[in-house]
Amino acid sequence: AVDAIARQDDWTEGCASPPTCIKVTVRSPDWAGVAWQHPANNWGEQPGGFDLSNARFLVFRVRADQPIPGMKFGAGLIEGEPHSDSLKREKTVDLSETWQTIRIKLRGDRSQLITGFWWVAPMTARKETTFYIDDIRFE
């Protein structure tokens, strides 16, 4: 459910690159996730996305208030629709209280990315977890 995720895009405490970062708190007994799409809420029914042919990596920084094993991050998500992402890449990361720089290699056709960034948080041991994302970029 949408109300299971609280996101604050202008968080100012303990960011990797001040003055702000994204704070996400998830309250779910199972899992939760978010996809950044262009245009917003485009699950492949409409054209959109960006040509990222010149980008070789999705890079971002991430940390958590408490360790979170098995977080998934990626680029590209939509397959088999009239308008699909031209690639799908993901990486599973164990989050800690220390900022980590994550690099996901964008191999293959990067000419059409509707879903430029997404994350999925598994909720295995707790019903609530908080993590932070900063410096999302394509290189």
Foldseek 3Di string as FASTA:
>chain_A
DVVQKDKDAADQPPDPDDRGWIKIKGQAQWKDKDFQFVPPPCLQADAGAAAVVVFFKWKKKKAWPAKAFFKKKWFFDHPDHNGGQQDTWMDTDTHHRDIDMDITTDDDGRGGTRGGMMIMGGNDPDRMIMMIMGDTDTD
